[in-house]
Amino acid sequence: MLAPAAALVAPAPSFAVDYLTAEQAQAAMFPEADRFEARELALDAGQRAALQARLGVPVKERWPVRVARRGDRTLGVAVVDEVLGKFERITFAVGVGADGAIRQIEILSYRESHGHEVRLPAWRKQFVGKTAAAPLRVGEDIANVSGATLSCHHVTDGVRRIVAVLEQAGGAGGLR
């Protein structure tokens, strides 16, 4: 009689997996960089409101970024963010070149029991070369992965938000 009651209060299995640190991701995105500089982008209320209206997702006021440099040349930026999967957070990083094009995305931590396919290289590769001008929407220019629908949509929304924020702030190349 106690076994069924115990099953109701037993903790659910944990599926959290940490794949990369932010430092490992930025090094993978910008292997030619000789250093990374911490910066913070700040958006004013008007910029945030315009971006939220355009994107349909919340936009934070402050964005920590890591500027990739080689000598005195800016290569681009790496930005770490989180989105909600179905129930848990997905931590990801986006590398955007000085030209505004996405170089790479990486899944840093995945905490859901399903949908980890967003970490597959083939799915992440769809973002490479896209800019803030691209739709960056599942079903348009980004394919869905069966069984990972919410993760696909939410990570895509997060990537779209990051490239839009960078564009609004003057672009990755503007971070001198």
C-alpha atoms as a PDB file:
ATOM      1  CA  MET A   1       0.000   0.000   0.000  1.00  0.00           C
ATOM      2  CA  LEU A   2       2.923   2.378   0.611  1.00  0.00           C
ATOM      3  CA  ALA A   3       4.599   1.721  -2.733  1.00  0.00           C
ATOM      4  CA  PRO A   4       2.020   3.617  -4.846  1.00  0.00           C
ATOM      5  CA  ALA A   5       2.084   6.562  -2.441  1.00  0.00           C
ATOM      6  CA  ALA A   6       5.882   6.636  -2.536  1.00  0.00           C
ATOM      7  CA  ALA A   7       5.809   6.708  -6.321  1.00  0.00           C
ATOM      8  CA  LEU A   8       3.762   9.902  -6.201  1.00  0.00           C
ATOM      9  CA  VAL A   9       6.403  11.749  -4.202  1.00  0.00           C
ATOM     10  CA  ALA A  10       9.508  10.190  -5.723  1.00  0.00           C
ATOM     11  CA  PRO A  11      11.626  12.720  -7.600  1.00  0.00           C
ATOM     12  CA  ALA A  12      11.396  12.637 -11.371  1.00  0.00           C
ATOM     13  CA  PRO A  13      14.529  11.471 -13.164  1.00  0.00           C
ATOM     14  CA  SER A  14      16.894  14.255 -14.132  1.00  0.00           C
ATOM     15  CA  PHE A  15      17.922  14.605 -17.772  1.00  0.00           C
ATOM     16  CA  ALA A  16      20.156  17.661 -17.532  1.00  0.00           C
ATOM     17  CA  VAL A  17      23.286  17.464 -19.615  1.00  0.00           C
ATOM     18  CA  ASP A  18      25.992  20.123 -19.809  1.00  0.00           C
ATOM     19  CA  TYR A  19      27.755  19.862 -23.153  1.00  0.00           C
ATOM     20  CA  LEU A  20      29.982  22.951 -23.276  1.00  0.00           C
ATOM     21  CA  THR A  21      30.948  25.923 -21.168  1.00  0.00           C
ATOM     22  CA  ALA A  22      30.515  29.408 -22.595  1.00  0.00           C
ATOM     23  CA  GLU A  23      34.303  29.632 -22.973  1.00  0.00           C
ATOM     24  CA  GLN A  24      34.474  26.362 -24.911  1.00  0.00           C
ATOM     25  CA  ALA A  25      31.637  27.501 -27.184  1.00  0.00           C
ATOM     26  CA  GLN A  26      33.211  30.871 -27.977  1.00  0.00           C
ATOM     27  CA  ALA A  27      36.532  29.186 -28.754  1.00  0.00           C
ATOM     28  CA  ALA A  28      34.746  26.765 -31.119  1.00  0.00           C
ATOM     29  CA  MET A  29      32.879  29.624 -32.821  1.00  0.00           C
ATOM     30  CA  PHE A  30      35.940  31.826 -33.249  1.00  0.00           C
ATOM     31  CA  PRO A  31      38.972  29.500 -33.337  1.00  0.00           C
ATOM     32  CA  GLU A  32      41.090  32.213 -34.962  1.00  0.00           C
ATOM     33  CA  ALA A  33      40.521  34.668 -32.071  1.00  0.00           C
ATOM     34  CA  ASP A  34      43.509  35.471 -29.898  1.00  0.00           C
ATOM     35  CA  ARG A  35      41.311  36.921 -27.134  1.00  0.00           C
ATOM     36  CA  PHE A  36      37.749  37.592 -26.028  1.00  0.00           C
ATOM     37  CA  GLU A  37      36.632  40.813 -24.358  1.00  0.00           C
ATOM     38  CA  ALA A  38      33.590  40.983 -22.093  1.00  0.00           C
ATOM     39  CA  ARG A  39      31.154  43.739 -22.992  1.00  0.00           C
ATOM     40  CA  GLU A  40      27.561  44.557 -22.222  1.00  0.00           C
ATOM     41  CA  LEU A  41      24.980  45.802 -24.670  1.00  0.00           C
ATOM     42  CA  ALA A  42      22.271  47.956 -23.112  1.00  0.00           C
ATOM     43  CA  LEU A  43      18.991  48.627 -24.872  1.00  0.00           C
ATOM     44  CA  ASP A  44      16.821  51.576 -23.927  1.00  0.00           C
ATOM     45  CA  ALA A  45      13.074  51.226 -23.388  1.00  0.00           C
ATOM     46  CA  GLY A  46      12.252  52.325 -26.941  1.00  0.00           C
ATOM     47  CA  GLN A  47      14.648  49.830 -28.506  1.00  0.00           C
ATOM     48  CA  ARG A  48      13.289  47.018 -26.345  1.00  0.00           C
ATOM     49  CA  ALA A  49       9.674  47.876 -27.142  1.00  0.00           C
ATOM     50  CA  ALA A  50      10.392  47.991 -30.884  1.00  0.00           C
ATOM     51  CA  LEU A  51      12.215  44.645 -30.772  1.00  0.00           C
ATOM     52  CA  GLN A  52       9.502  42.995 -28.665  1.00  0.00           C
ATOM     53  CA  ALA A  53       6.826  44.190 -31.102  1.00  0.00           C
ATOM     54  CA  ARG A  54       8.858  42.954 -34.085  1.00  0.00           C
ATOM     55  CA  LEU A  55       9.860  39.605 -32.592  1.00  0.00           C
ATOM     56  CA  GLY A  56       6.887  38.761 -30.421  1.00  0.00           C
ATOM     57  CA  VAL A  57       9.185  37.596 -27.608  1.00  0.00           C
ATOM     58  CA  PRO A  58      10.511  39.390 -24.516  1.00  0.00           C
ATOM     59  CA  VAL A  59      13.805  41.261 -24.868  1.00  0.00           C
ATOM     60  CA  LYS A  60      16.121  41.900 -21.931  1.00  0.00           C
ATOM     61  CA  GLU A  61      17.573  45.332 -21.242  1.00  0.00           C
ATOM     62  CA  ARG A  62      21.169  44.145 -20.763  1.00  0.00           C
ATOM     63  CA  TRP A  63      23.055  41.600 -22.874  1.00  0.00           C
ATOM     64  CA  PRO A  64      26.490  40.349 -21.849  1.00  0.00           C
ATOM     65  CA  VAL A  65      28.544  39.549 -24.946  1.00  0.00           C
ATOM     66  CA  ARG A  66      32.062  38.316 -25.587  1.00  0.00           C
ATOM     67  CA  VAL A  67      33.783  40.166 -28.417  1.00  0.00           C
ATOM     68  CA  ALA A  68      36.130  37.916 -30.401  1.00  0.00           C
ATOM     69  CA  ARG A  69      39.325  39.667 -31.473  1.00  0.00           C
ATOM     70  CA  ARG A  70      42.422  38.865 -33.458  1.00  0.00           C
ATOM     71  CA  GLY A  71      44.931  41.642 -33.017  1.00  0.00           C
ATOM     72  CA  ASP A  72      42.950  44.861 -33.326  1.00  0.00           C
ATOM     73  CA  ARG A  73      40.356  43.294 -35.636  1.00  0.00           C
ATOM     74  CA  THR A  74      36.863  42.439 -34.385  1.00  0.00           C
ATOM     75  CA  LEU A  75      35.834  38.993 -35.620  1.00  0.00           C
ATOM     76  CA  GLY A  76      32.378  39.000 -34.066  1.00  0.00           C
ATOM     77  CA  VAL A  77      30.607  38.240 -30.808  1.00  0.00           C
ATOM     78  CA  ALA A  78      29.456  35.252 -28.830  1.00  0.00           C
ATOM     79  CA  VAL A  79      26.220  35.605 -26.880  1.00  0.00           C
ATOM     80  CA  VAL A  80      24.888  33.106 -24.349  1.00  0.00           C
ATOM     81  CA  ASP A  81      21.171  33.017 -23.620  1.00  0.00           C
ATOM     82  CA  GLU A  82      18.462  30.691 -22.359  1.00  0.00           C
ATOM     83  CA  VAL A  83      15.013  29.739 -23.564  1.00  0.00           C
ATOM     84  CA  LEU A  84      12.362  27.563 -22.029  1.00  0.00           C
ATOM     85  CA  GLY A  85      12.008  24.157 -23.674  1.00  0.00           C
ATOM     86  CA  LYS A  86       8.798  22.407 -22.660  1.00  0.00           C
ATOM     87  CA  PHE A  87       9.424  22.619 -18.915  1.00  0.00           C
ATOM     88  CA  GLU A  88      13.118  23.370 -18.419  1.00  0.00           C
ATOM     89  CA  ARG A  89      15.710  25.856 -19.619  1.00  0.00           C
ATOM     90  CA  ILE A  90      17.913  25.315 -22.659  1.00  0.00           C
ATOM     91  CA  THR A  91      21.178  27.262 -22.524  1.00  0.00           C
ATOM     92  CA  PHE A  92      22.685  28.046 -25.915  1.00  0.00           C
ATOM     93  CA  ALA A  93      25.304  30.274 -27.495  1.00  0.00           C
ATOM     94  CA  VAL A  94      25.267  32.114 -30.805  1.00  0.00           C
ATOM     95  CA  GLY A  95      28.381  33.291 -32.616  1.00  0.00           C
ATOM     96  CA  VAL A  96      27.766  36.207 -34.964  1.00  0.00           C
ATOM     97  CA  GLY A  97      30.501  37.469 -37.263  1.00  0.00           C
ATOM     98  CA  ALA A  98      31.408  41.119 -37.748  1.00  0.00           C
ATOM     99  CA  ASP A  99      29.350  40.949 -40.956  1.00  0.00           C
ATOM    100  CA  GLY A 100      26.183  40.164 -38.945  1.00  0.00           C
ATOM    101  CA  ALA A 101      25.956  36.569 -40.191  1.00  0.00           C
ATOM    102  CA  ILE A 102      25.558  33.678 -37.783  1.00  0.00           C
ATOM    103  CA  ARG A 103      28.734  31.615 -37.677  1.00  0.00           C
ATOM    104  CA  GLN A 104      27.559  28.897 -35.343  1.00  0.00           C
ATOM    105  CA  ILE A 105      25.139  27.992 -32.593  1.00  0.00           C
ATOM    106  CA  GLU A 106      25.892  25.612 -29.752  1.00  0.00           C
ATOM    107  CA  ILE A 107      23.678  24.020 -27.135  1.00  0.00           C
ATOM    108  CA  LEU A 108      25.512  24.425 -23.828  1.00  0.00           C
ATOM    109  CA  SER A 109      23.034  22.774 -21.430  1.00  0.00           C
ATOM    110  CA  TYR A 110      19.923  20.772 -22.161  1.00  0.00           C
ATOM    111  CA  ARG A 111      17.636  19.865 -19.281  1.00  0.00           C
ATOM    112  CA  GLU A 112      14.585  18.315 -20.953  1.00  0.00           C
ATOM    113  CA  SER A 113      13.829  14.588 -21.244  1.00  0.00           C
ATOM    114  CA  HIS A 114      12.995  14.928 -24.971  1.00  0.00           C
ATOM    115  CA  GLY A 115      14.051  17.173 -27.817  1.00  0.00           C
ATOM    116  CA  HIS A 116      17.816  16.950 -27.441  1.00  0.00           C
ATOM    117  CA  GLU A 117      17.988  16.625 -31.237  1.00  0.00           C
ATOM    118  CA  VAL A 118      18.433  20.410 -31.390  1.00  0.00           C
ATOM    119  CA  ARG A 119      22.037  19.631 -30.528  1.00  0.00           C
ATOM    120  CA  LEU A 120      22.551  17.643 -33.729  1.00  0.00           C
ATOM    121  CA  PRO A 121      25.025  19.364 -36.088  1.00  0.00           C
ATOM    122  CA  ALA A 122      22.663  19.087 -39.069  1.00  0.00           C
ATOM    123  CA  TRP A 123      19.923  21.011 -37.259  1.00  0.00           C
ATOM    124  CA  ARG A 124      22.261  23.707 -35.904  1.00  0.00           C
ATOM    125  CA  LYS A 125      23.967  24.132 -39.281  1.00  0.00           C
ATOM    126  CA  GLN A 126      20.731  25.575 -40.730  1.00  0.00           C
ATOM    127  CA  PHE A 127      21.459  28.855 -38.937  1.00  0.00           C
ATOM    128  CA  VAL A 128      24.943  29.391 -40.398  1.00  0.00           C
ATOM    129  CA  GLY A 129      25.123  32.403 -42.694  1.00  0.00           C
ATOM    130  CA  LYS A 130      21.728  33.799 -41.725  1.00  0.00           C
ATOM    131  CA  THR A 131      21.375  37.398 -40.549  1.00  0.00           C
ATOM    132  CA  ALA A 132      18.703  39.481 -38.846  1.00  0.00           C
ATOM    133  CA  ALA A 133      17.112  39.868 -42.300  1.00  0.00           C
ATOM    134  CA  ALA A 134      16.321  36.133 -42.477  1.00  0.00           C
ATOM    135  CA  PRO A 135      12.943  34.911 -41.232  1.00  0.00           C
ATOM    136  CA  LEU A 136      14.576  32.542 -38.706  1.00  0.00           C
ATOM    137  CA  ARG A 137      11.319  30.683 -38.191  1.00  0.00           C
ATOM    138  CA  VAL A 138      10.645  26.983 -37.931  1.00  0.00           C
ATOM    139  CA  GLY A 139       8.738  25.936 -41.041  1.00  0.00           C
ATOM    140  CA  GLU A 140      10.141  28.795 -43.130  1.00  0.00           C
ATOM    141  CA  ASP A 141      13.937  28.685 -43.224  1.00  0.00           C
ATOM    142  CA  ILE A 142      14.534  26.393 -40.235  1.00  0.00           C
ATOM    143  CA  ALA A 143      13.318  22.784 -40.323  1.00  0.00           C
ATOM    144  CA  ASN A 144      11.574  21.173 -37.384  1.00  0.00           C
ATOM    145  CA  VAL A 145      12.796  17.936 -35.824  1.00  0.00           C
ATOM    146  CA  SER A 146      10.036  15.487 -34.954  1.00  0.00           C
ATOM    147  CA  GLY A 147       9.998  14.942 -31.208  1.00  0.00           C
ATOM    148  CA  ALA A 148      11.768  18.237 -30.576  1.00  0.00           C
ATOM    149  CA  THR A 149       9.135  20.687 -31.798  1.00  0.00           C
ATOM    150  CA  LEU A 150       9.089  23.002 -28.783  1.00  0.00           C
ATOM    151  CA  SER A 151      12.867  22.969 -28.459  1.00  0.00           C
ATOM    152  CA  CYS A 152      13.242  23.782 -32.168  1.00  0.00           C
ATOM    153  CA  HIS A 153      10.780  26.666 -31.963  1.00  0.00           C
ATOM    154  CA  HIS A 154      12.160  28.131 -28.756  1.00  0.00           C
ATOM    155  CA  VAL A 155      15.851  27.903 -29.669  1.00  0.00           C
ATOM    156  CA  THR A 156      15.026  29.422 -33.075  1.00  0.00           C
ATOM    157  CA  ASP A 157      13.134  32.263 -31.339  1.00  0.00           C
ATOM    158  CA  GLY A 158      16.156  32.803 -29.080  1.00  0.00           C
ATOM    159  CA  VAL A 159      18.584  32.933 -31.997  1.00  0.00           C
ATOM    160  CA  ARG A 160      16.290  35.355 -33.874  1.00  0.00           C
ATOM    161  CA  ARG A 161      16.170  37.555 -30.758  1.00  0.00           C
ATOM    162  CA  ILE A 162      19.976  37.622 -30.424  1.00  0.00           C
ATOM    163  CA  VAL A 163      20.662  38.606 -34.039  1.00  0.00           C
ATOM    164  CA  ALA A 164      17.953  41.281 -33.828  1.00  0.00           C
ATOM    165  CA  VAL A 165      19.433  42.679 -30.598  1.00  0.00           C
ATOM    166  CA  LEU A 166      22.891  42.781 -32.155  1.00  0.00           C
ATOM    167  CA  GLU A 167      21.519  44.508 -35.252  1.00  0.00           C
ATOM    168  CA  GLN A 168      19.667  47.046 -33.069  1.00  0.00           C
ATOM    169  CA  ALA A 169      22.861  47.719 -31.111  1.00  0.00           C
ATOM    170  CA  GLY A 170      24.833  48.472 -34.282  1.00  0.00           C
ATOM    171  CA  GLY A 171      25.982  44.987 -35.210  1.00  0.00           C
ATOM    172  CA  ALA A 172      28.752  42.714 -34.022  1.00  0.00           C
ATOM    173  CA  GLY A 173      31.295  44.652 -36.063  1.00  0.00           C
ATOM    174  CA  GLY A 174      30.353  47.851 -34.222  1.00  0.00           C
ATOM    175  CA  LEU A 175      31.683  46.515 -30.917  1.00  0.00           C
ATOM    176  CA  ARG A 176      35.152  47.989 -31.087  1.00  0.00           C
END
